[in-house]
Protein backbone atom coordinates (compact mmCIF):
# COMPACT_ATOMS: atom_id res chain seq x y z
CA MET A 1 54.79 31.47 9.38
CA SER A 2 51.55 32.74 7.71
CA THR A 3 50.86 32.37 4.05
CA ILE A 4 49.04 35.77 3.37
CA ASP A 5 50.11 35.31 -0.60
CA GLU A 6 47.15 32.36 -0.70
CA PRO A 7 43.87 33.49 -2.05
CA LEU A 8 41.25 33.69 0.59
CA VAL A 9 38.47 31.13 0.47
CA SER A 10 34.88 32.26 -0.28
CA GLU A 11 31.86 30.55 0.43
CA THR A 12 28.09 31.63 0.47
CA SER A 13 26.32 31.18 3.90
CA ALA A 14 22.57 30.44 4.11
CA LEU A 15 22.67 31.75 7.33
CA LEU A 16 23.71 35.17 6.17
CA GLU A 17 20.54 35.14 3.20
CA GLY A 18 23.23 34.62 0.43
CA THR A 19 25.71 36.95 1.11
CA ALA A 20 29.40 35.94 0.36
CA VAL A 21 31.36 35.21 3.44
CA THR A 22 35.13 35.51 2.98
CA LYS A 23 37.13 33.33 5.20
CA ALA A 24 40.81 33.35 5.34
CA PRO A 25 42.59 29.69 5.19
CA GLN A 26 43.04 28.04 8.58
CA GLU A 27 46.97 28.48 8.35
CA GLN A 28 47.02 32.30 8.19
CA GLN A 29 45.29 32.42 11.91
CA ARG A 30 47.28 29.59 13.69
CA LEU A 31 50.71 29.16 14.66
CA PRO A 32 52.40 25.67 14.04
CA ARG A 33 53.72 24.09 17.20
CA TRP A 34 57.42 22.76 17.47
CA TYR A 35 56.18 19.44 17.89
CA TRP A 36 53.96 19.63 14.84
CA PRO A 37 55.45 22.08 12.47
CA TRP A 38 52.74 21.94 9.83
CA PRO A 39 49.50 23.85 9.27
CA PRO A 40 45.99 22.22 9.65
CA ARG A 41 45.72 19.68 6.88
CA TYR A 42 43.36 16.89 5.94
CA TRP A 43 46.08 14.36 6.17
CA ALA A 44 46.41 14.91 9.75
CA THR A 45 43.05 13.30 10.64
CA ILE A 46 44.31 10.06 8.49
CA PRO A 47 46.37 8.35 11.63
CA VAL A 48 43.15 8.89 13.46
CA ILE A 49 41.07 7.05 11.72
CA PHE A 50 43.68 4.55 10.58
CA LEU A 51 44.23 3.68 14.44
CA ALA A 52 40.37 3.68 14.80
CA GLY A 53 40.31 1.08 11.98
CA LEU A 54 43.04 -0.90 13.48
CA THR A 55 41.22 -0.83 16.68
CA MET A 56 38.03 -2.14 15.00
CA GLY A 57 39.64 -4.57 12.82
CA PRO A 58 40.13 -7.45 15.35
CA LEU A 59 36.73 -7.05 16.87
CA VAL A 60 34.88 -7.84 13.24
CA PRO A 61 36.40 -11.27 13.27
CA LEU A 62 37.16 -12.22 16.57
CA THR A 63 33.96 -11.20 18.19
CA PRO A 64 32.20 -14.21 17.62
CA PRO A 65 34.95 -16.77 18.46
CA PHE A 66 35.56 -14.87 21.59
CA LEU A 67 31.69 -15.23 22.53
CA LYS A 68 31.54 -18.86 21.26
CA TYR A 69 34.44 -19.60 23.80
CA LEU A 70 32.68 -17.83 26.57
CA PHE A 71 29.15 -19.36 26.05
CA CYS A 72 31.12 -22.95 25.96
CA GLU A 73 32.85 -22.17 29.17
CA ARG A 74 30.11 -20.69 31.13
CA GLY A 75 26.62 -21.78 29.29
CA ILE A 76 24.70 -19.81 27.16
CA PRO A 77 22.94 -16.47 28.87
CA THR A 78 19.60 -17.15 30.11
CA LEU A 79 18.05 -14.50 27.74
CA PHE A 80 19.08 -16.68 24.81
CA PRO A 81 17.48 -20.21 25.66
CA ILE A 82 18.21 -22.97 23.31
CA HIS A 83 16.12 -26.16 22.47
CA ASN A 84 16.80 -28.73 25.07
CA ASN A 85 18.28 -26.38 27.49
CA SER A 86 18.08 -28.90 30.05
CA THR A 87 20.06 -31.32 28.00
CA PHE A 88 23.38 -29.15 26.89
CA GLY A 89 22.15 -25.86 27.85
CA ASP A 90 24.75 -25.34 30.87
CA LEU A 91 27.48 -27.64 29.24
CA PRO A 92 31.06 -25.99 30.03
CA THR A 93 33.02 -27.70 27.47
CA ASN A 94 32.71 -28.63 23.68
CA ASP A 95 33.23 -32.36 24.19
CA ASP A 96 30.02 -33.30 22.39
CA GLY A 97 30.19 -30.93 19.56
CA HIS A 98 27.29 -28.94 21.06
CA CYS A 99 29.17 -25.46 20.74
CA ASP A 100 29.33 -26.02 17.01
CA SER A 101 25.44 -26.37 16.79
CA ALA A 102 23.03 -24.12 15.02
CA GLU A 103 21.71 -23.26 18.54
CA TYR A 104 24.90 -21.71 19.85
CA SER A 105 25.51 -19.92 16.48
CA ILE A 106 22.04 -18.29 16.87
CA ALA A 107 22.72 -17.38 20.39
CA ILE A 108 26.21 -15.47 19.37
CA ALA A 109 24.24 -13.65 16.51
CA LYS A 110 21.44 -12.70 18.73
CA PHE A 111 23.78 -11.43 21.69
CA ALA A 112 26.24 -9.99 19.41
CA GLY A 113 23.17 -8.26 17.46
CA ILE A 114 21.54 -6.87 20.54
CA ASN A 115 25.15 -5.52 21.72
CA ALA A 116 25.42 -3.43 18.30
CA SER A 117 22.23 -2.54 18.91
CA ALA A 118 22.03 -1.07 22.11
CA ALA A 119 25.11 0.79 21.60
CA ALA A 120 23.59 2.02 18.35
CA VAL A 121 20.81 3.57 20.33
CA LEU A 122 23.07 5.74 22.36
CA ILE A 123 25.04 6.68 18.87
CA THR A 124 21.53 7.98 17.76
CA LEU A 125 21.08 10.08 20.34
CA THR A 126 24.55 11.62 20.88
CA VAL A 127 26.33 11.59 17.47
CA ARG A 128 24.80 14.63 16.21
CA PHE A 129 25.53 16.32 19.53
CA TRP A 130 29.09 15.44 19.36
CA SER A 131 29.33 16.38 15.45
CA GLY A 132 27.87 19.67 16.16
CA LEU A 133 29.74 20.26 19.18
CA GLY A 134 32.85 19.83 17.35
CA ASP A 135 31.70 23.26 15.51
CA ARG A 136 31.65 24.99 18.51
CA ILE A 137 34.58 23.63 20.91
CA GLY A 138 36.62 22.28 17.85
CA ARG A 139 37.17 19.32 15.84
CA LYS A 140 40.26 18.35 18.09
CA ARG A 141 38.76 18.20 21.40
CA ALA A 142 35.60 16.47 19.99
CA MET A 143 38.01 13.82 18.95
CA GLN A 144 39.52 13.60 22.26
CA ILE A 145 36.36 12.84 24.15
CA TRP A 146 35.49 10.32 21.41
CA ALA A 147 39.02 8.72 21.80
CA VAL A 148 38.66 8.55 25.71
CA GLY A 149 35.43 7.01 25.69
CA THR A 150 36.37 4.42 22.91
CA ALA A 151 39.67 3.54 24.97
CA THR A 152 37.62 2.80 28.28
CA ALA A 153 34.89 0.61 26.23
CA GLN A 154 37.70 -1.61 25.01
CA LEU A 155 38.51 -2.95 28.92
CA PHE A 156 35.26 -4.45 29.54
CA PRO A 157 35.72 -7.58 27.48
CA LEU A 158 39.14 -8.32 29.21
CA MET A 159 37.25 -7.72 32.58
CA VAL A 160 34.73 -10.25 31.79
CA TYR A 161 37.59 -12.84 30.43
CA TYR A 162 39.41 -12.59 33.82
CA HIS A 163 36.85 -12.26 35.99
CA LYS A 164 34.61 -15.38 35.75
CA GLY A 165 31.97 -14.16 38.36
CA ILE A 166 31.02 -11.06 36.23
CA SER A 167 28.17 -11.65 34.02
CA LEU A 168 28.49 -11.78 30.29
CA TYR A 169 26.00 -9.01 29.82
CA PHE A 170 29.08 -6.59 31.15
CA ILE A 171 29.97 -6.85 27.37
CA TRP A 172 27.15 -4.88 26.53
CA ILE A 173 28.08 -2.21 29.22
CA GLY A 174 31.28 -1.54 26.97
CA GLY A 175 29.14 -1.13 23.91
CA LEU A 176 27.12 1.30 25.82
CA VAL A 177 30.10 3.30 26.95
CA GLU A 178 31.23 3.66 23.30
CA GLY A 179 27.97 4.21 21.75
CA SER A 180 27.43 7.34 24.53
CA VAL A 181 30.45 9.11 22.64
CA GLY A 182 29.15 8.33 19.19
CA SER A 183 31.36 5.44 18.42
CA VAL A 184 32.93 5.36 14.97
CA LEU A 185 30.34 7.26 13.16
CA SER A 186 31.02 10.29 15.25
CA LEU A 187 34.60 10.15 14.40
CA ILE A 188 33.94 9.86 10.74
CA ALA A 189 31.68 13.02 10.90
CA ILE A 190 34.55 15.02 12.85
CA THR A 191 37.23 14.06 10.60
CA HIS A 192 35.27 14.75 7.47
CA ALA A 193 34.31 18.05 8.73
CA TYR A 194 37.94 18.44 9.79
CA ALA A 195 39.10 17.94 6.20
CA ALA A 196 36.39 20.02 4.83
CA ASP A 197 37.74 23.14 7.23
CA VAL A 198 40.88 22.92 4.95
CA THR A 199 39.88 21.93 1.61
CA ASP A 200 38.10 23.18 -1.30
CA PRO A 201 34.43 22.01 -2.03
CA GLU A 202 35.28 20.28 -5.26
CA GLU A 203 38.25 18.37 -3.79
CA ARG A 204 36.05 16.70 -0.75
CA THR A 205 34.74 13.85 -2.50
CA VAL A 206 38.39 12.42 -3.12
CA VAL A 207 39.55 13.81 0.18
CA PHE A 208 36.64 12.14 1.94
CA GLY A 209 37.50 8.69 0.14
CA ARG A 210 40.98 8.87 1.36
CA ILE A 211 40.11 9.53 4.59
CA ILE A 212 37.57 6.29 4.69
CA GLY A 213 40.09 4.44 2.76
CA SER A 214 42.32 4.93 5.72
CA TYR A 215 39.76 3.75 7.92
CA TYR A 216 39.24 0.61 6.07
CA THR A 217 42.97 -0.21 5.75
CA GLY A 218 43.52 0.13 9.60
CA ILE A 219 40.02 -2.52 9.55
CA GLY A 220 42.06 -4.72 7.29
CA LEU A 221 45.58 -4.70 8.89
CA GLY A 222 43.93 -4.84 12.47
CA SER A 223 41.79 -7.99 11.13
CA VAL A 224 44.99 -9.52 9.76
CA LEU A 225 47.23 -8.60 13.01
CA GLY A 226 44.50 -9.82 15.41
CA GLY A 227 44.35 -13.11 13.62
CA LEU A 228 48.20 -13.87 13.87
CA VAL A 229 48.17 -12.59 17.53
CA ALA A 230 45.17 -14.83 18.23
CA LYS A 231 47.16 -17.94 16.64
CA GLN A 232 50.43 -17.28 18.03
CA PHE A 233 49.30 -16.10 21.69
CA GLY A 234 45.98 -16.72 22.27
CA LEU A 235 42.66 -15.23 21.40
CA ILE A 236 42.51 -12.94 24.56
CA ALA A 237 46.08 -11.63 23.51
CA ALA A 238 44.16 -10.07 20.34
CA PHE A 239 41.87 -8.11 22.83
CA TRP A 240 44.66 -6.64 24.94
CA MET A 241 45.68 -4.84 21.66
CA LEU A 242 42.42 -2.86 21.44
CA PRO A 243 42.72 -0.66 24.46
CA ILE A 244 46.44 -0.21 23.64
CA LEU A 245 45.95 1.27 20.19
CA ALA A 246 42.95 3.29 21.57
CA PHE A 247 45.35 4.84 24.02
CA LEU A 248 47.68 5.43 21.82
CA ASN A 249 45.22 7.36 19.30
CA ILE A 250 44.54 9.90 22.46
CA PHE A 251 48.14 10.83 22.39
CA TYR A 252 48.37 11.43 18.49
CA ILE A 253 45.10 13.53 18.74
CA SER A 254 46.56 15.50 21.34
CA ILE A 255 49.54 16.71 18.98
CA ILE A 256 47.61 17.67 16.03
CA PRO A 257 46.64 21.27 15.10
CA GLU A 258 42.89 22.38 15.51
CA SER A 259 41.50 22.85 11.94
CA LEU A 260 39.29 26.09 13.05
CA SER A 261 40.73 29.37 13.92
CA VAL A 262 39.96 30.95 17.36
CA ALA A 263 37.89 33.64 15.59
CA THR A 264 35.88 30.96 13.65
CA LEU A 265 34.86 28.93 16.63
CA ALA A 266 33.51 32.56 18.24
CA GLU A 267 31.74 33.07 15.32
CA ASN A 268 30.26 29.49 15.02
CA ASN A 269 29.21 29.79 18.90
CA SER A 270 27.90 33.36 18.09
CA GLN A 271 25.60 32.14 15.31
CA TYR A 272 24.48 29.01 17.15
CA LYS A 273 23.39 31.34 20.04
CA SER A 274 21.38 33.39 17.51
CA LEU A 275 19.74 30.38 16.21
CA ARG A 276 18.78 28.98 19.61
CA ASN A 277 17.64 32.48 20.60
CA SER A 278 15.59 32.80 17.09
CA GLN A 279 13.83 29.41 17.62
CA SER A 280 12.65 30.45 21.37
CA GLN A 281 11.42 33.69 20.08
CA SER A 282 9.42 31.85 17.51
CA THR A 283 7.97 29.84 20.02
CA LEU A 284 6.62 32.61 22.02
CA ALA A 285 5.55 34.59 19.01
CA VAL A 286 2.04 33.66 19.17
CA PRO A 287 1.58 34.05 22.97
CA VAL A 288 3.05 37.39 22.96
CA ASP A 289 1.19 38.63 19.99
CA ARG A 290 -1.94 37.29 21.50
CA ALA A 291 -1.51 39.07 24.89
CA ASN A 292 -0.92 42.24 22.97
CA GLU A 293 -4.42 41.58 21.26
CA GLU A 294 -5.91 41.21 24.42
CA SER A 295 -4.66 44.27 26.10
CA SER A 296 -5.21 46.50 23.27
CA SER A 297 -8.73 45.24 23.35
CA GLN A 298 -9.25 46.18 27.17
CA SER A 299 -7.82 49.50 26.61
CA SER A 300 -10.07 50.70 23.99
CA GLY A 301 -13.32 49.47 25.88
CA GLN A 302 -14.29 46.97 22.69
CA PRO A 303 -15.25 43.70 23.43
CA ARG A 304 -12.77 41.29 23.33
CA PRO A 305 -13.04 38.81 20.07
CA VAL A 306 -13.42 35.35 20.39
CA ALA A 307 -9.96 33.70 20.77
CA LYS A 308 -8.78 31.81 17.69
CA ASN A 309 -6.74 28.70 17.43
CA ASN A 310 -3.28 29.52 17.39
CA ARG A 311 -2.01 25.92 17.37
CA VAL A 312 0.94 25.48 14.58
CA PRO A 313 -0.67 22.83 11.96
CA TYR A 314 0.87 19.61 12.09
CA SER A 315 2.21 19.82 8.92
CA ASP A 316 4.18 22.91 9.73
CA GLN A 317 5.22 21.03 12.78
CA VAL A 318 6.42 18.14 10.58
CA LYS A 319 8.13 20.82 7.88
CA ALA A 320 10.06 22.48 10.87
CA PHE A 321 11.41 19.38 12.01
CA ILE A 322 12.68 18.51 8.56
CA ARG A 323 14.53 21.69 8.43
CA GLY A 324 16.00 21.05 11.97
CA LEU A 325 17.38 17.87 10.51
CA VAL A 326 18.63 19.23 7.21
CA PRO A 327 19.98 22.97 7.20
CA GLU A 328 19.24 25.18 4.07
CA GLN A 329 20.96 24.06 1.25
CA LEU A 330 23.32 26.85 -0.55
CA PRO A 331 22.27 28.45 -3.70
CA GLY A 332 23.12 26.28 -6.90
CA GLY A 333 23.72 23.19 -4.66
CA LEU A 334 21.61 19.95 -4.74
CA ALA A 335 18.68 20.12 -6.46
CA GLY A 336 15.12 19.58 -4.79
CA LYS A 337 13.94 20.49 -1.35
CA TYR A 338 14.38 17.33 0.50
CA SER A 339 16.82 15.64 -1.85
CA ALA A 340 19.46 15.81 1.16
CA LEU A 341 17.09 14.14 3.57
CA MET A 342 16.63 11.41 1.00
CA LEU A 343 20.13 10.94 0.48
CA MET A 344 20.36 10.63 4.15
CA PHE A 345 17.41 7.84 3.98
CA ILE A 346 19.44 6.05 1.09
CA ALA A 347 22.38 5.73 3.20
CA PHE A 348 20.42 4.45 6.31
CA LEU A 349 18.75 1.81 4.17
CA VAL A 350 22.06 0.50 2.52
CA LEU A 351 24.10 0.69 5.53
CA MET A 352 21.26 -1.07 7.50
CA ALA A 353 21.43 -4.01 5.07
CA VAL A 354 25.31 -3.93 4.21
CA MET A 355 25.95 -3.52 8.38
CA GLY A 356 23.03 -6.42 9.29
CA ALA A 357 24.63 -8.88 6.93
CA SER A 358 28.14 -8.05 7.53
CA VAL A 359 27.99 -8.63 11.37
CA HIS A 360 26.88 -11.97 10.17
CA ILE A 361 29.57 -12.95 7.91
CA SER A 362 32.01 -14.28 10.46
CA ILE A 363 29.08 -16.04 12.48
CA PHE A 364 28.26 -17.79 9.22
CA LEU A 365 31.67 -19.00 7.97
CA LEU A 366 32.24 -19.92 11.69
CA TYR A 367 28.85 -22.34 11.35
CA ARG A 368 28.59 -23.13 7.76
CA PHE A 369 32.08 -23.84 6.82
CA HIS A 370 33.90 -24.32 10.37
CA TRP A 371 36.71 -21.63 9.58
CA SER A 372 39.77 -20.65 11.88
CA GLU A 373 40.14 -17.14 13.55
CA ALA A 374 43.07 -16.62 11.34
CA LYS A 375 41.09 -17.44 8.02
CA ILE A 376 38.14 -15.58 8.99
CA SER A 377 40.16 -12.34 9.58
CA TYR A 378 41.63 -12.84 5.97
CA VAL A 379 37.74 -11.69 4.86
CA THR A 380 38.01 -8.65 6.84
CA ALA A 381 41.50 -7.90 5.96
CA ILE A 382 40.72 -8.51 2.32
CA GLN A 383 37.58 -6.07 2.49
CA GLY A 384 39.78 -3.39 4.15
CA LEU A 385 42.91 -3.52 2.16
CA SER A 386 40.43 -3.66 -1.24
CA ARG A 387 38.89 -0.42 0.06
CA LEU A 388 42.03 1.28 0.77
CA LEU A 389 42.93 0.62 -3.27
CA SER A 390 39.49 1.94 -4.51
CA MET A 391 39.25 4.88 -2.22
CA THR A 392 42.93 6.14 -2.31
CA LEU A 393 43.67 4.91 -6.14
CA LEU A 394 40.53 4.03 -8.02
CA LEU A 395 38.04 6.91 -6.78
CA PRO A 396 40.63 9.61 -7.35
CA LEU A 397 41.28 8.07 -11.02
CA VAL A 398 37.42 8.15 -11.62
CA LYS A 399 37.07 11.83 -10.58
CA ARG A 400 40.27 12.99 -12.76
CA LEU A 401 38.42 10.95 -15.68
CA ALA A 402 35.11 13.25 -15.18
CA PRO A 403 34.57 15.86 -17.39
CA GLN A 404 36.42 19.26 -16.67
CA ASP A 405 33.42 21.19 -15.74
CA VAL A 406 33.10 18.67 -12.52
CA LEU A 407 36.21 20.22 -11.11
CA ALA A 408 35.28 23.78 -11.33
CA ASP A 409 31.60 23.74 -11.15
CA PRO A 410 29.62 22.50 -7.89
CA VAL A 411 26.31 21.45 -9.66
CA ALA A 412 28.47 19.43 -12.03
CA SER A 413 30.43 17.92 -9.33
CA ILE A 414 27.10 16.94 -7.28
CA HIS A 415 25.83 15.53 -10.76
CA PHE A 416 28.99 13.42 -10.85
CA ASP A 417 28.81 12.48 -7.34
CA LEU A 418 25.13 11.25 -7.74
CA LYS A 419 26.24 8.87 -10.24
CA LEU A 420 28.87 7.45 -8.05
CA VAL A 421 26.37 6.94 -5.66
CA ILE A 422 23.88 5.02 -7.62
CA VAL A 423 26.80 2.80 -9.07
CA GLY A 424 28.31 1.95 -5.70
CA VAL A 425 24.70 1.10 -4.38
CA LEU A 426 24.18 -1.41 -7.41
CA ILE A 427 27.63 -2.94 -6.72
CA GLU A 428 26.95 -3.50 -3.02
CA ALA A 429 23.61 -5.30 -4.17
CA MET A 430 25.62 -7.43 -6.35
CA THR A 431 28.12 -8.31 -3.46
CA MET A 432 25.26 -9.33 -1.06
CA PHE A 433 23.45 -11.59 -3.91
CA LEU A 434 26.98 -13.11 -4.51
CA TYR A 435 27.34 -13.80 -0.79
CA GLY A 436 24.07 -15.49 -0.73
CA ALA A 437 24.87 -17.65 -3.88
CA THR A 438 28.48 -18.77 -3.26
CA PRO A 439 28.74 -22.46 -2.64
CA VAL A 440 32.12 -22.03 -0.84
CA GLY A 441 33.71 -19.75 1.71
CA GLU A 442 36.19 -18.62 -0.81
CA GLY A 443 33.32 -16.60 -2.43
CA PHE A 444 33.58 -14.00 0.47
CA PHE A 445 37.19 -13.22 -0.39
CA LEU A 446 35.64 -12.04 -4.11
CA GLY A 447 32.91 -10.36 -2.54
CA GLY A 448 35.14 -8.44 -0.11
CA ALA A 449 36.98 -7.30 -3.31
CA THR A 450 33.89 -5.90 -5.33
CA SER A 451 32.45 -4.45 -2.21
CA SER A 452 35.28 -2.05 -1.98
CA ILE A 453 33.76 -0.74 -5.47
CA GLY A 454 30.32 -0.20 -3.92
CA ALA A 455 31.70 1.66 -0.95
CA PHE A 456 32.07 4.72 -3.08
CA PHE A 457 28.54 5.74 -2.29
CA PHE A 458 29.94 6.29 1.05
CA PRO A 459 32.30 9.40 0.49
CA ALA A 460 30.09 10.71 -2.59
CA ILE A 461 27.24 11.25 -0.25
CA ARG A 462 29.44 13.26 2.33
CA GLY A 463 30.81 15.25 -0.76
CA ILE A 464 27.28 16.12 -2.31
CA LEU A 465 26.21 17.30 1.30
CA SER A 466 29.38 19.27 1.87
CA GLN A 467 28.99 21.22 -1.30
CA SER A 468 25.28 22.01 -0.44
CA VAL A 469 25.29 23.43 2.70
CA ALA A 470 26.95 26.77 4.60
CA PRO A 471 30.48 25.68 6.31
CA GLU A 472 29.28 26.94 9.67
CA LEU A 473 26.62 23.84 9.47
CA LEU A 474 28.71 21.32 7.84
CA GLY A 475 29.49 19.62 11.40
CA GLN A 476 25.74 19.59 12.13
CA THR A 477 25.06 18.16 8.80
CA LEU A 478 27.49 15.63 8.75
CA GLY A 479 26.20 14.81 12.27
CA THR A 480 22.60 14.22 10.97
CA LEU A 481 23.94 11.65 8.39
CA ALA A 482 25.61 10.06 11.08
CA THR A 483 22.42 9.77 13.26
CA PHE A 484 20.87 8.05 10.15
CA GLU A 485 23.65 5.53 10.02
CA SER A 486 23.59 4.98 13.41
CA LEU A 487 19.82 4.08 13.22
CA ALA A 488 20.77 1.88 10.53
CA VAL A 489 23.06 0.15 13.07
CA VAL A 490 20.44 -0.03 15.55
CA VAL A 491 18.19 -1.82 13.30
CA GLY A 492 20.63 -4.11 11.30
CA PRO A 493 22.15 -6.15 13.44
CA THR A 494 18.79 -7.01 15.52
CA LEU A 495 16.61 -7.65 12.54
CA PHE A 496 19.36 -9.67 10.66
CA ALA A 497 20.02 -11.66 13.83
CA TRP A 498 16.23 -12.60 13.84
CA ILE A 499 16.26 -13.33 9.94
CA TYR A 500 19.36 -15.37 10.55
CA GLY A 501 17.96 -17.39 13.56
CA ALA A 502 14.50 -18.04 11.85
CA THR A 503 16.20 -19.21 8.48
CA LEU A 504 19.54 -20.74 9.45
CA GLU A 505 18.69 -24.43 9.81
CA THR A 506 16.37 -24.09 6.49
CA HIS A 507 17.99 -21.57 4.34
CA PRO A 508 21.43 -20.27 5.65
CA SER A 509 21.98 -17.54 2.99
CA THR A 510 18.75 -15.88 3.37
CA VAL A 511 20.14 -12.87 5.26
CA PHE A 512 22.47 -11.80 2.23
CA TYR A 513 19.65 -12.24 -0.26
CA VAL A 514 17.42 -9.77 1.93
CA ALA A 515 20.80 -7.59 2.30
CA GLY A 516 20.63 -7.59 -1.72
CA VAL A 517 16.95 -6.71 -2.52
CA LEU A 518 17.11 -3.75 0.41
CA THR A 519 20.37 -2.58 -1.46
CA LEU A 520 18.79 -2.33 -4.78
CA LEU A 521 15.98 -0.44 -3.23
CA GLY A 522 18.25 2.14 -2.18
CA ALA A 523 19.34 2.48 -5.87
CA VAL A 524 15.89 2.89 -7.06
CA LEU A 525 15.26 5.69 -4.46
CA ALA A 526 18.50 7.27 -5.77
CA LEU A 527 17.16 7.69 -9.51
CA PRO A 528 14.70 10.36 -8.44
CA VAL A 529 17.08 12.58 -7.00
CA PHE A 530 19.51 12.27 -9.99
CA ILE A 531 16.68 12.92 -12.33
CA LYS A 532 15.73 16.20 -10.47
CA HIS A 533 19.27 17.52 -10.23
CA THR A 534 19.84 16.67 -13.83
CA ARG A 535 16.68 18.75 -14.88
CA ALA A 536 17.67 21.52 -12.83
CA MET A 537 21.24 21.63 -14.15
CA HIS A 538 19.90 21.42 -17.85
CA ARG A 539 17.62 24.43 -17.08
CA ARG A 540 20.51 26.26 -15.94
CA LEU A 541 22.51 26.01 -19.11
């Protein structure tokens, strides 16, 4: 079953001081199972990420109507008081139209924003751990942990719906459970690391695009399916889909092969322990040296010199912290000492703006244009299916039309991906301004299509990072990127919920204009990284 005629894969390891490490392809080291007769390939992760999107799809458009139903039935939670609460704060029905008021819309936005941000706090604290853990216990086991946590989280909205005595805040616990396993950001990092294990470096941007395209396909189809189920069988029926899909994902993950061989996992664990030991020894180096000097001075009978301040300078502590966030880059990778960190910050800024605005699209359409659940789901469907086309067809076509050196030279490939980052972020900014300026709800259909091209920046950044660090640190690096992205999810929904509540009655579209400005700032910050890498590439020629 082995394929010994295939060439060995060689990459330079930063941990081994630039020496070349030759690794056999993973299929040489693992035998296929009877129920999975293929060696590990990147496409094995596509159903995983697709089912994750299919589970997430109904949540995006249907959570605001679900919260509106609960608020109208049981009253607005006490943490979100509305004007004249004594008059209509506890109304159980919408007979007088108060459930369609701006106060209810603001309360829904704040409740959903806090739910997303609270979950994102746990994502921020855990996503880097889960992604790095995949380097040591295997990608498959890390995905299984995520899948179990996600399936459990989907049960909480159902419990709140059927048990009227349970507080509405119990919905937040489901978000915290999902956040504790890293949510979808953890899964994205793990699946990208899985794909990178079995894919050549210059092909990874296209492969990552296909994986992300599969996720958005799931979101698009899931939103349509959720809207149709809600229309035919009731809103709660759509929420029954979610745990069923999540448990189906658990089963599928259990049958796919592991991308890392036993030998590779053992090597990764050994290197991880060596790094931990070296870090521990570095913190003890100053006290040990100082003790040796003191004992030597006492034995010689000479007077002991005045003790010096051996405290590590603050600037060195900051540099050590940054090095811990971003592992050492491979020679000939992305130019600039902190360019990788800047790309992660750009991802944070853009995702914060896009996510903060996107979570309010359904709420905005529900309040401003009084759209139905099914019609709102079409916006999410167009976004997801458009991204499927852009990631699986348009992105590979763009890469194919690139100069030939892009396919053979990692430095040229990174240069081309930086262009994709800048263009993608600019298109995302244009989409946010379109949302703000459109006088009719149908303008969001067009925005859903344009944002699919803007999403190029998402796989492009991952492609750049995957070609810039040692393979044994790939999971940790992508986990760091996911940490930045989860921070964006912490800040974005809460910040934009406050903006939405403060401007809804006077300038309802303000959230989208603010998102456009912040996204545009991300494109500006990407320019110095692009210029620095361009200069380094020209100096090499």
